[in-house]
PDB file of N, CA and C in Angstrom:
ATOM      1  N   PRO A   1     -41.850 120.846 -86.571  1.00  0.00           N
ATOM      2  CA  PRO A   1     -43.013 121.170 -87.410  1.00  0.00           C
ATOM      3  C   PRO A   1     -43.612 119.949 -88.102  1.00  0.00           C
ATOM      4  N   GLU A   2     -42.755 119.003 -88.504  1.00  0.00           N
ATOM      5  CA  GLU A   2     -43.255 117.798 -89.173  1.00  0.00           C
ATOM      6  C   GLU A   2     -44.110 116.962 -88.219  1.00  0.00           C
ATOM      7  N   ASN A   3     -43.681 116.896 -86.951  1.00  0.00           N
ATOM      8  CA  ASN A   3     -44.438 116.145 -85.961  1.00  0.00           C
ATOM      9  C   ASN A   3     -45.789 116.794 -85.712  1.00  0.00           C
ATOM     10  N   ALA A   4     -45.829 118.123 -85.596  1.00  0.00           N
ATOM     11  CA  ALA A   4     -47.100 118.826 -85.367  1.00  0.00           C
ATOM     12  C   ALA A   4     -48.046 118.611 -86.544  1.00  0.00           C
ATOM     13  N   ALA A   5     -47.532 118.689 -87.770  1.00  0.00           N
ATOM     14  CA  ALA A   5     -48.369 118.475 -88.956  1.00  0.00           C
ATOM     15  C   ALA A   5     -48.871 117.032 -89.003  1.00  0.00           C
ATOM     16  N   PHE A   6     -48.008 116.083 -88.640  1.00  0.00           N
ATOM     17  CA  PHE A   6     -48.392 114.673 -88.617  1.00  0.00           C
ATOM     18  C   PHE A   6     -49.514 114.442 -87.605  1.00  0.00           C
ATOM     19  N   LYS A   7     -49.359 114.991 -86.401  1.00  0.00           N
ATOM     20  CA  LYS A   7     -50.378 114.810 -85.363  1.00  0.00           C
ATOM     21  C   LYS A   7     -51.711 115.425 -85.775  1.00  0.00           C
ATOM     22  N   GLN A   8     -51.665 116.571 -86.422  1.00  0.00           N
ATOM     23  CA  GLN A   8     -52.898 117.223 -86.876  1.00  0.00           C
ATOM     24  C   GLN A   8     -53.586 116.383 -87.954  1.00  0.00           C
ATOM     25  N   ALA A   9     -52.829 115.903 -88.917  1.00  0.00           N
ATOM     26  CA  ALA A   9     -53.408 115.074 -89.981  1.00  0.00           C
ATOM     27  C   ALA A   9     -53.939 113.764 -89.410  1.00  0.00           C
ATOM     28  N   TYR A  10     -53.219 113.182 -88.459  1.00  0.00           N
ATOM     29  CA  TYR A  10     -53.645 111.931 -87.836  1.00  0.00           C
ATOM     30  C   TYR A  10     -54.967 112.128 -87.091  1.00  0.00           C
ATOM     31  N   ALA A  11     -55.097 113.249 -86.397  1.00  0.00           N
ATOM     32  CA  ALA A  11     -56.330 113.541 -85.654  1.00  0.00           C
ATOM     33  C   ALA A  11     -57.527 113.680 -86.589  1.00  0.00           C
ATOM     34  N   GLN A  12     -57.296 114.165 -87.792  1.00  0.00           N
ATOM     35  CA  GLN A  12     -58.389 114.287 -88.762  1.00  0.00           C
ATOM     36  C   GLN A  12     -58.825 112.908 -89.268  1.00  0.00           C
ATOM     37  N   LEU A  13     -57.864 112.004 -89.413  1.00  0.00           N
ATOM     38  CA  LEU A  13     -58.174 110.657 -89.905  1.00  0.00           C
ATOM     39  C   LEU A  13     -58.714 109.744 -88.812  1.00  0.00           C
ATOM     40  N   ALA A  14     -58.199 109.901 -87.612  1.00  0.00           N
ATOM     41  CA  ALA A  14     -58.581 109.023 -86.496  1.00  0.00           C
ATOM     42  C   ALA A  14     -58.752 109.864 -85.238  1.00  0.00           C
ATOM     43  N   PRO A  15     -59.865 110.594 -85.134  1.00  0.00           N
ATOM     44  CA  PRO A  15     -60.032 111.539 -84.025  1.00  0.00           C
ATOM     45  C   PRO A  15     -60.055 110.904 -82.631  1.00  0.00           C
ATOM     46  N   ASN A  16     -60.331 109.621 -82.536  1.00  0.00           N
ATOM     47  CA  ASN A  16     -60.391 108.970 -81.229  1.00  0.00           C
ATOM     48  C   ASN A  16     -59.129 108.192 -80.885  1.00  0.00           C
ATOM     49  N   ALA A  17     -58.086 108.360 -81.675  1.00  0.00           N
ATOM     50  CA  ALA A  17     -56.834 107.640 -81.445  1.00  0.00           C
ATOM     51  C   ALA A  17     -55.686 108.627 -81.319  1.00  0.00           C
ATOM     52  N   ARG A  18     -54.646 108.180 -80.651  1.00  0.00           N
ATOM     53  CA  ARG A  18     -53.433 109.006 -80.538  1.00  0.00           C
ATOM     54  C   ARG A  18     -52.361 108.424 -81.452  1.00  0.00           C
ATOM     55  N   PRO A  19     -51.634 109.267 -82.159  1.00  0.00           N
ATOM     56  CA  PRO A  19     -50.541 108.738 -82.982  1.00  0.00           C
ATOM     57  C   PRO A  19     -49.459 108.146 -82.080  1.00  0.00           C
ATOM     58  N   ASN A  20     -48.811 107.092 -82.573  1.00  0.00           N
ATOM     59  CA  ASN A  20     -47.757 106.440 -81.806  1.00  0.00           C
ATOM     60  C   ASN A  20     -46.613 106.088 -82.750  1.00  0.00           C
ATOM     61  N   MET A  21     -45.638 105.345 -82.241  1.00  0.00           N
ATOM     62  CA  MET A  21     -44.486 104.990 -83.072  1.00  0.00           C
ATOM     63  C   MET A  21     -44.877 104.090 -84.241  1.00  0.00           C
ATOM     64  N   MET A  22     -45.907 103.280 -84.067  1.00  0.00           N
ATOM     65  CA  MET A  22     -46.358 102.442 -85.180  1.00  0.00           C
ATOM     66  C   MET A  22     -46.917 103.324 -86.303  1.00  0.00           C
ATOM     67  N   ALA A  23     -47.655 104.361 -85.937  1.00  0.00           N
ATOM     68  CA  ALA A  23     -48.196 105.272 -86.941  1.00  0.00           C
ATOM     69  C   ALA A  23     -47.066 106.026 -87.638  1.00  0.00           C
ATOM     70  N   ALA A  24     -46.092 106.492 -86.867  1.00  0.00           N
ATOM     71  CA  ALA A  24     -44.946 107.193 -87.467  1.00  0.00           C
ATOM     72  C   ALA A  24     -44.146 106.243 -88.353  1.00  0.00           C
ATOM     73  N   GLY A  25     -43.996 104.997 -87.921  1.00  0.00           N
ATOM     74  CA  GLY A  25     -43.296 104.007 -88.740  1.00  0.00           C
ATOM     75  C   GLY A  25     -44.022 103.740 -90.049  1.00  0.00           C
ATOM     76  N   GLY A  26     -45.361 103.684 -89.990  1.00  0.00           N
ATOM     77  CA  GLY A  26     -46.149 103.511 -91.210  1.00  0.00           C
ATOM     78  C   GLY A  26     -45.980 104.688 -92.149  1.00  0.00           C
ATOM     79  N   TYR A  27     -45.992 105.894 -91.576  1.00  0.00           N
ATOM     80  CA  TYR A  27     -45.782 107.108 -92.370  1.00  0.00           C
ATOM     81  C   TYR A  27     -44.415 107.047 -93.057  1.00  0.00           C
ATOM     82  N   ASP A  28     -43.382 106.715 -92.274  1.00  0.00           N
ATOM     83  CA  ASP A  28     -42.032 106.664 -92.841  1.00  0.00           C
ATOM     84  C   ASP A  28     -41.912 105.574 -93.898  1.00  0.00           C
ATOM     85  N   GLY A  29     -42.547 104.434 -93.656  1.00  0.00           N
ATOM     86  CA  GLY A  29     -42.507 103.348 -94.635  1.00  0.00           C
ATOM     87  C   GLY A  29     -43.125 103.759 -95.959  1.00  0.00           C
ATOM     88  N   MET A  30     -44.260 104.415 -95.898  1.00  0.00           N
ATOM     89  CA  MET A  30     -44.915 104.867 -97.134  1.00  0.00           C
ATOM     90  C   MET A  30     -44.095 105.965 -97.808  1.00  0.00           C
ATOM     91  N   HIS A  31     -43.501 106.844 -97.006  1.00  0.00           N
ATOM     92  CA  HIS A  31     -42.643 107.892 -97.570  1.00  0.00           C
ATOM     93  C   HIS A  31     -41.450 107.256 -98.290  1.00  0.00           C
ATOM     94  N   LEU A  32     -40.853 106.253 -97.670  1.00  0.00           N
ATOM     95  CA  LEU A  32     -39.718 105.563 -98.270  1.00  0.00           C
ATOM     96  C   LEU A  32     -40.115 104.883 -99.577  1.00  0.00           C
ATOM     97  N   ILE A  33     -41.250 104.190 -99.581  1.00  0.00           N
ATOM     98  CA  ILE A  33     -41.714 103.528-100.803  1.00  0.00           C
ATOM     99  C   ILE A  33     -41.929 104.544-101.919  1.00  0.00           C
ATOM    100  N   ALA A  34     -42.538 105.679-101.593  1.00  0.00           N
ATOM    101  CA  ALA A  34     -42.767 106.718-102.608  1.00  0.00           C
ATOM    102  C   ALA A  34     -41.444 107.237-103.163  1.00  0.00           C
ATOM    103  N   GLN A  35     -40.451 107.449-102.288  1.00  0.00           N
ATOM    104  CA  GLN A  35     -39.141 107.920-102.762  1.00  0.00           C
ATOM    105  C   GLN A  35     -38.447 106.859-103.626  1.00  0.00           C
ATOM    106  N   MET A  36     -38.555 105.598-103.230  1.00  0.00           N
ATOM    107  CA  MET A  36     -37.944 104.525-104.009  1.00  0.00           C
ATOM    108  C   MET A  36     -38.574 104.436-105.391  1.00  0.00           C
ATOM    109  N   LEU A  37     -39.896 104.526-105.450  1.00  0.00           N
ATOM    110  CA  LEU A  37     -40.578 104.477-106.741  1.00  0.00           C
ATOM    111  C   LEU A  37     -40.205 105.675-107.606  1.00  0.00           C
ATOM    112  N   ALA A  38     -40.073 106.845-106.984  1.00  0.00           N
ATOM    113  CA  ALA A  38     -39.677 108.032-107.743  1.00  0.00           C
ATOM    114  C   ALA A  38     -38.261 107.868-108.303  1.00  0.00           C
ATOM    115  N   ARG A  39     -37.363 107.331-107.491  1.00  0.00           N
ATOM    116  CA  ARG A  39     -35.975 107.150-107.920  1.00  0.00           C
ATOM    117  C   ARG A  39     -35.835 106.124-109.033  1.00  0.00           C
ATOM    118  N   THR A  40     -36.760 105.170-109.110  1.00  0.00           N
ATOM    119  CA  THR A  40     -36.661 104.106-110.113  1.00  0.00           C
ATOM    120  C   THR A  40     -37.696 104.270-111.225  1.00  0.00           C
ATOM    121  N   ASN A  41     -38.327 105.431-111.289  1.00  0.00           N
ATOM    122  CA  ASN A  41     -39.364 105.689-112.293  1.00  0.00           C
ATOM    123  C   ASN A  41     -40.477 104.639-112.257  1.00  0.00           C
ATOM    124  N   GLY A  42     -40.851 104.231-111.037  1.00  0.00           N
ATOM    125  CA  GLY A  42     -41.975 103.310-110.876  1.00  0.00           C
ATOM    126  C   GLY A  42     -41.637 101.848-111.091  1.00  0.00           C
ATOM    127  N   SER A  43     -40.366 101.521-111.049  1.00  0.00           N
ATOM    128  CA  SER A  43     -39.963 100.129-111.268  1.00  0.00           C
ATOM    129  C   SER A  43     -40.595  99.204-110.222  1.00  0.00           C
ATOM    130  N   GLU A  44     -40.912  97.992-110.654  1.00  0.00           N
ATOM    131  CA  GLU A  44     -41.406  96.963-109.739  1.00  0.00           C
ATOM    132  C   GLU A  44     -40.322  95.936-109.432  1.00  0.00           C
ATOM    133  N   ASP A  45     -39.111  96.184-109.900  1.00  0.00           N
ATOM    134  CA  ASP A  45     -37.999  95.271-109.682  1.00  0.00           C
ATOM    135  C   ASP A  45     -37.483  95.439-108.252  1.00  0.00           C
ATOM    136  N   GLY A  46     -37.586  94.388-107.451  1.00  0.00           N
ATOM    137  CA  GLY A  46     -37.220  94.445-106.042  1.00  0.00           C
ATOM    138  C   GLY A  46     -35.786  94.876-105.803  1.00  0.00           C
ATOM    139  N   GLU A  47     -34.855  94.329-106.558  1.00  0.00           N
ATOM    140  CA  GLU A  47     -33.448  94.686-106.367  1.00  0.00           C
ATOM    141  C   GLU A  47     -33.192  96.157-106.664  1.00  0.00           C
ATOM    142  N   ARG A  48     -33.803  96.677-107.722  1.00  0.00           N
ATOM    143  CA  ARG A  48     -33.648  98.107-108.046  1.00  0.00           C
ATOM    144  C   ARG A  48     -34.242  98.974-106.946  1.00  0.00           C
ATOM    145  N   LEU A  49     -35.394  98.566-106.440  1.00  0.00           N
ATOM    146  CA  LEU A  49     -36.036  99.345-105.379  1.00  0.00           C
ATOM    147  C   LEU A  49     -35.180  99.368-104.114  1.00  0.00           C
ATOM    148  N   VAL A  50     -34.674  98.213-103.699  1.00  0.00           N
ATOM    149  CA  VAL A  50     -33.827  98.154-102.509  1.00  0.00           C
ATOM    150  C   VAL A  50     -32.568  98.987-102.712  1.00  0.00           C
ATOM    151  N   GLU A  51     -31.969  98.877-103.877  1.00  0.00           N
ATOM    152  CA  GLU A  51     -30.762  99.662-104.169  1.00  0.00           C
ATOM    153  C   GLU A  51     -31.052 101.158-104.112  1.00  0.00           C
ATOM    154  N   SER A  52     -32.227 101.553-104.585  1.00  0.00           N
ATOM    155  CA  SER A  52     -32.571 102.978-104.610  1.00  0.00           C
ATOM    156  C   SER A  52     -32.791 103.559-103.218  1.00  0.00           C
ATOM    157  N   ALA A  53     -33.047 102.705-102.237  1.00  0.00           N
ATOM    158  CA  ALA A  53     -33.285 103.186-100.875  1.00  0.00           C
ATOM    159  C   ALA A  53     -32.000 103.581-100.159  1.00  0.00           C
ATOM    160  N   LYS A  54     -30.888 103.021-100.590  1.00  0.00           N
ATOM    161  CA  LYS A  54     -29.616 103.262 -99.906  1.00  0.00           C
ATOM    162  C   LYS A  54     -29.277 104.748 -99.879  1.00  0.00           C
ATOM    163  N   GLY A  55     -29.071 105.268 -98.680  1.00  0.00           N
ATOM    164  CA  GLY A  55     -28.669 106.662 -98.513  1.00  0.00           C
ATOM    165  C   GLY A  55     -29.803 107.669 -98.518  1.00  0.00           C
ATOM    166  N   LEU A  56     -31.039 107.236 -98.768  1.00  0.00           N
ATOM    167  CA  LEU A  56     -32.154 108.184 -98.756  1.00  0.00           C
ATOM    168  C   LEU A  56     -32.295 108.823 -97.383  1.00  0.00           C
ATOM    169  N   SER A  57     -32.683 110.072 -97.354  1.00  0.00           N
ATOM    170  CA  SER A  57     -32.914 110.757 -96.085  1.00  0.00           C
ATOM    171  C   SER A  57     -34.100 111.698 -96.233  1.00  0.00           C
ATOM    172  N   TRP A  58     -34.774 111.951 -95.129  1.00  0.00           N
ATOM    173  CA  TRP A  58     -35.915 112.859 -95.099  1.00  0.00           C
ATOM    174  C   TRP A  58     -36.170 113.275 -93.663  1.00  0.00           C
ATOM    175  N   THR A  59     -37.031 114.253 -93.502  1.00  0.00           N
ATOM    176  CA  THR A  59     -37.424 114.681 -92.168  1.00  0.00           C
ATOM    177  C   THR A  59     -38.761 114.027 -91.841  1.00  0.00           C
ATOM    178  N   SER A  60     -38.725 113.149 -90.879  1.00  0.00           N
ATOM    179  CA  SER A  60     -39.865 112.367 -90.441  1.00  0.00           C
ATOM    180  C   SER A  60     -40.575 113.099 -89.295  1.00  0.00           C
ATOM    181  N   PRO A  61     -41.793 112.685 -88.944  1.00  0.00           N
ATOM    182  CA  PRO A  61     -42.407 113.222 -87.733  1.00  0.00           C
ATOM    183  C   PRO A  61     -41.541 112.982 -86.488  1.00  0.00           C
ATOM    184  N   ARG A  62     -40.666 111.992 -86.545  1.00  0.00           N
ATOM    185  CA  ARG A  62     -39.786 111.721 -85.401  1.00  0.00           C
ATOM    186  C   ARG A  62     -38.423 112.394 -85.521  1.00  0.00           C
ATOM    187  N   GLY A  63     -38.217 113.193 -86.560  1.00  0.00           N
ATOM    188  CA  GLY A  63     -36.954 113.902 -86.753  1.00  0.00           C
ATOM    189  C   GLY A  63     -36.247 113.422 -88.002  1.00  0.00           C
ATOM    190  N   PRO A  64     -34.990 113.828 -88.180  1.00  0.00           N
ATOM    191  CA  PRO A  64     -34.258 113.430 -89.387  1.00  0.00           C
ATOM    192  C   PRO A  64     -33.968 111.932 -89.373  1.00  0.00           C
ATOM    193  N   VAL A  65     -34.185 111.279 -90.504  1.00  0.00           N
ATOM    194  CA  VAL A  65     -33.880 109.857 -90.653  1.00  0.00           C
ATOM    195  C   VAL A  65     -33.150 109.642 -91.971  1.00  0.00           C
ATOM    196  N   GLN A  66     -32.414 108.548 -92.015  1.00  0.00           N
ATOM    197  CA  GLN A  66     -31.670 108.203 -93.221  1.00  0.00           C
ATOM    198  C   GLN A  66     -31.598 106.683 -93.307  1.00  0.00           C
ATOM    199  N   ILE A  67     -31.546 106.162 -94.518  1.00  0.00           N
ATOM    200  CA  ILE A  67     -31.338 104.740 -94.729  1.00  0.00           C
ATOM    201  C   ILE A  67     -29.842 104.524 -94.944  1.00  0.00           C
ATOM    202  N   ASP A  68     -29.219 103.760 -94.062  1.00  0.00           N
ATOM    203  CA  ASP A  68     -27.795 103.481 -94.153  1.00  0.00           C
ATOM    204  C   ASP A  68     -27.503 102.719 -95.444  1.00  0.00           C
ATOM    205  N   ALA A  69     -26.549 103.192 -96.209  1.00  0.00           N
ATOM    206  CA  ALA A  69     -26.246 102.580 -97.507  1.00  0.00           C
ATOM    207  C   ALA A  69     -25.685 101.171 -97.366  1.00  0.00           C
ATOM    208  N   ALA A  70     -24.949 100.898 -96.286  1.00  0.00           N
ATOM    209  CA  ALA A  70     -24.336  99.574 -96.128  1.00  0.00           C
ATOM    210  C   ALA A  70     -25.317  98.544 -95.569  1.00  0.00           C
ATOM    211  N   SER A  71     -26.045  98.918 -94.525  1.00  0.00           N
ATOM    212  CA  SER A  71     -26.918  97.940 -93.848  1.00  0.00           C
ATOM    213  C   SER A  71     -28.381  98.051 -94.266  1.00  0.00           C
ATOM    214  N   ARG A  72     -28.745  99.168 -94.889  1.00  0.00           N
ATOM    215  CA  ARG A  72     -30.129  99.501 -95.242  1.00  0.00           C
ATOM    216  C   ARG A  72     -31.015  99.621 -94.000  1.00  0.00           C
ATOM    217  N   ASP A  73     -30.395  99.823 -92.852  1.00  0.00           N
ATOM    218  CA  ASP A  73     -31.129 100.057 -91.615  1.00  0.00           C
ATOM    219  C   ASP A  73     -31.349 101.560 -91.479  1.00  0.00           C
ATOM    220  N   ILE A  74     -32.295 101.947 -90.632  1.00  0.00           N
ATOM    221  CA  ILE A  74     -32.592 103.362 -90.453  1.00  0.00           C
ATOM    222  C   ILE A  74     -31.611 103.980 -89.459  1.00  0.00           C
ATOM    223  N   ILE A  75     -31.181 105.185 -89.756  1.00  0.00           N
ATOM    224  CA  ILE A  75     -30.347 105.967 -88.850  1.00  0.00           C
ATOM    225  C   ILE A  75     -31.231 107.103 -88.358  1.00  0.00           C
ATOM    226  N   GLN A  76     -31.337 107.244 -87.050  1.00  0.00           N
ATOM    227  CA  GLN A  76     -32.222 108.264 -86.483  1.00  0.00           C
ATOM    228  C   GLN A  76     -31.754 108.650 -85.096  1.00  0.00           C
ATOM    229  N   ASP A  77     -32.257 109.781 -84.597  1.00  0.00           N
ATOM    230  CA  ASP A  77     -32.047 110.149 -83.204  1.00  0.00           C
ATOM    231  C   ASP A  77     -32.782 109.140 -82.331  1.00  0.00           C
ATOM    232  N   ILE A  78     -32.288 108.942 -81.133  1.00  0.00           N
ATOM    233  CA  ILE A  78     -32.949 108.076 -80.160  1.00  0.00           C
ATOM    234  C   ILE A  78     -33.571 108.972 -79.094  1.00  0.00           C
ATOM    235  N   SER A  79     -34.861 108.829 -78.897  1.00  0.00           N
ATOM    236  CA  SER A  79     -35.568 109.599 -77.873  1.00  0.00           C
ATOM    237  C   SER A  79     -35.633 108.781 -76.596  1.00  0.00           C
ATOM    238  N   ILE A  80     -35.284 109.400 -75.483  1.00  0.00           N
ATOM    239  CA  ILE A  80     -35.399 108.767 -74.175  1.00  0.00           C
ATOM    240  C   ILE A  80     -36.671 109.345 -73.545  1.00  0.00           C
ATOM    241  N   ARG A  81     -37.560 108.450 -73.124  1.00  0.00           N
ATOM    242  CA  ARG A  81     -38.861 108.890 -72.626  1.00  0.00           C
ATOM    243  C   ARG A  81     -39.188 108.220 -71.309  1.00  0.00           C
ATOM    244  N   ARG A  82     -40.139 108.828 -70.618  1.00  0.00           N
ATOM    245  CA  ARG A  82     -40.696 108.228 -69.408  1.00  0.00           C
ATOM    246  C   ARG A  82     -42.207 108.176 -69.576  1.00  0.00           C
ATOM    247  N   ALA A  83     -42.830 107.206 -68.959  1.00  0.00           N
ATOM    248  CA  ALA A  83     -44.289 107.117 -68.974  1.00  0.00           C
ATOM    249  C   ALA A  83     -44.832 108.032 -67.883  1.00  0.00           C
ATOM    250  N   GLU A  84     -45.821 108.827 -68.249  1.00  0.00           N
ATOM    251  CA  GLU A  84     -46.394 109.791 -67.310  1.00  0.00           C
ATOM    252  C   GLU A  84     -47.905 109.852 -67.518  1.00  0.00           C
ATOM    253  N   ARG A  85     -48.646 109.855 -66.423  1.00  0.00           N
ATOM    254  CA  ARG A  85     -50.103 109.957 -66.508  1.00  0.00           C
ATOM    255  C   ARG A  85     -50.496 111.432 -66.618  1.00  0.00           C
ATOM    256  N   ARG A  86     -51.277 111.729 -67.654  1.00  0.00           N
ATOM    257  CA  ARG A  86     -51.794 113.087 -67.871  1.00  0.00           C
ATOM    258  C   ARG A  86     -53.251 112.964 -68.286  1.00  0.00           C
ATOM    259  N   ASP A  87     -54.110 113.669 -67.592  1.00  0.00           N
ATOM    260  CA  ASP A  87     -55.551 113.651 -67.904  1.00  0.00           C
ATOM    261  C   ASP A  87     -56.097 112.240 -67.989  1.00  0.00           C
ATOM    262  N   GLY A  88     -55.629 111.356 -67.093  1.00  0.00           N
ATOM    263  CA  GLY A  88     -56.144 110.001 -67.044  1.00  0.00           C
ATOM    264  C   GLY A  88     -55.583 109.059 -68.094  1.00  0.00           C
ATOM    265  N   GLN A  89     -54.612 109.496 -68.873  1.00  0.00           N
ATOM    266  CA  GLN A  89     -54.008 108.646 -69.902  1.00  0.00           C
ATOM    267  C   GLN A  89     -52.507 108.584 -69.684  1.00  0.00           C
ATOM    268  N   ILE A  90     -51.917 107.484 -70.137  1.00  0.00           N
ATOM    269  CA  ILE A  90     -50.467 107.331 -70.064  1.00  0.00           C
ATOM    270  C   ILE A  90     -49.851 107.904 -71.334  1.00  0.00           C
ATOM    271  N   TRP A  91     -48.869 108.771 -71.151  1.00  0.00           N
ATOM    272  CA  TRP A  91     -48.167 109.399 -72.270  1.00  0.00           C
ATOM    273  C   TRP A  91     -46.676 109.105 -72.153  1.00  0.00           C
ATOM    274  N   ASN A  92     -46.005 108.975 -73.286  1.00  0.00           N
ATOM    275  CA  ASN A  92     -44.550 108.879 -73.320  1.00  0.00           C
ATOM    276  C   ASN A  92     -44.004 110.287 -73.443  1.00  0.00           C
ATOM    277  N   ILE A  93     -43.290 110.750 -72.426  1.00  0.00           N
ATOM    278  CA  ILE A  93     -42.769 112.112 -72.390  1.00  0.00           C
ATOM    279  C   ILE A  93     -41.256 112.064 -72.643  1.00  0.00           C
ATOM    280  N   GLU A  94     -40.846 112.688 -73.741  1.00  0.00           N
ATOM    281  CA  GLU A  94     -39.414 112.722 -74.069  1.00  0.00           C
ATOM    282  C   GLU A  94     -38.701 113.678 -73.108  1.00  0.00           C
ATOM    283  N   PHE A  95     -37.570 113.215 -72.562  1.00  0.00           N
ATOM    284  CA  PHE A  95     -36.789 114.087 -71.692  1.00  0.00           C
ATOM    285  C   PHE A  95     -35.332 114.188 -72.130  1.00  0.00           C
ATOM    286  N   ALA A  96     -34.922 113.371 -73.085  1.00  0.00           N
ATOM    287  CA  ALA A  96     -33.552 113.450 -73.616  1.00  0.00           C
ATOM    288  C   ALA A  96     -33.546 112.864 -75.018  1.00  0.00           C
ATOM    289  N   ARG A  97     -32.533 113.248 -75.765  1.00  0.00           N
ATOM    290  CA  ARG A  97     -32.390 112.760 -77.137  1.00  0.00           C
ATOM    291  C   ARG A  97     -30.911 112.480 -77.400  1.00  0.00           C
ATOM    292  N   ILE A  98     -30.646 111.340 -77.989  1.00  0.00           N
ATOM    293  CA  ILE A  98     -29.287 110.980 -78.389  1.00  0.00           C
ATOM    294  C   ILE A  98     -29.218 111.168 -79.897  1.00  0.00           C
ATOM    295  N   PRO A  99     -28.380 112.097 -80.358  1.00  0.00           N
ATOM    296  CA  PRO A  99     -28.300 112.356 -81.807  1.00  0.00           C
ATOM    297  C   PRO A  99     -27.807 111.130 -82.574  1.00  0.00           C
ATOM    298  N   ARG A 100     -28.255 111.045 -83.810  1.00  0.00           N
ATOM    299  CA  ARG A 100     -27.881 109.915 -84.632  1.00  0.00           C
ATOM    300  C   ARG A 100     -26.405 109.838 -84.829  1.00  0.00           C
TER     301      ARG A 100
END
């Protein structure tokens, strides 16, 4: 449902473009920043903000994601896709998923 809502909102903002991983990454980045600011009551202190990100999780357009507390890297499912031509355009079609 999050992906469908994301695609619909994206189409309203950019009707001639297709959402991609860069768009989803931007969405997740802004979501993370908003959560960090909420956790720190709007602090501008970089160390506090980074610390507040550890362990955060949410449901992204790409599925469940979490910020690893030790590495601060993202933990997510891995989608396996193939490129396929549909209606004259190349699409990435998911055919398997490796759980996080």
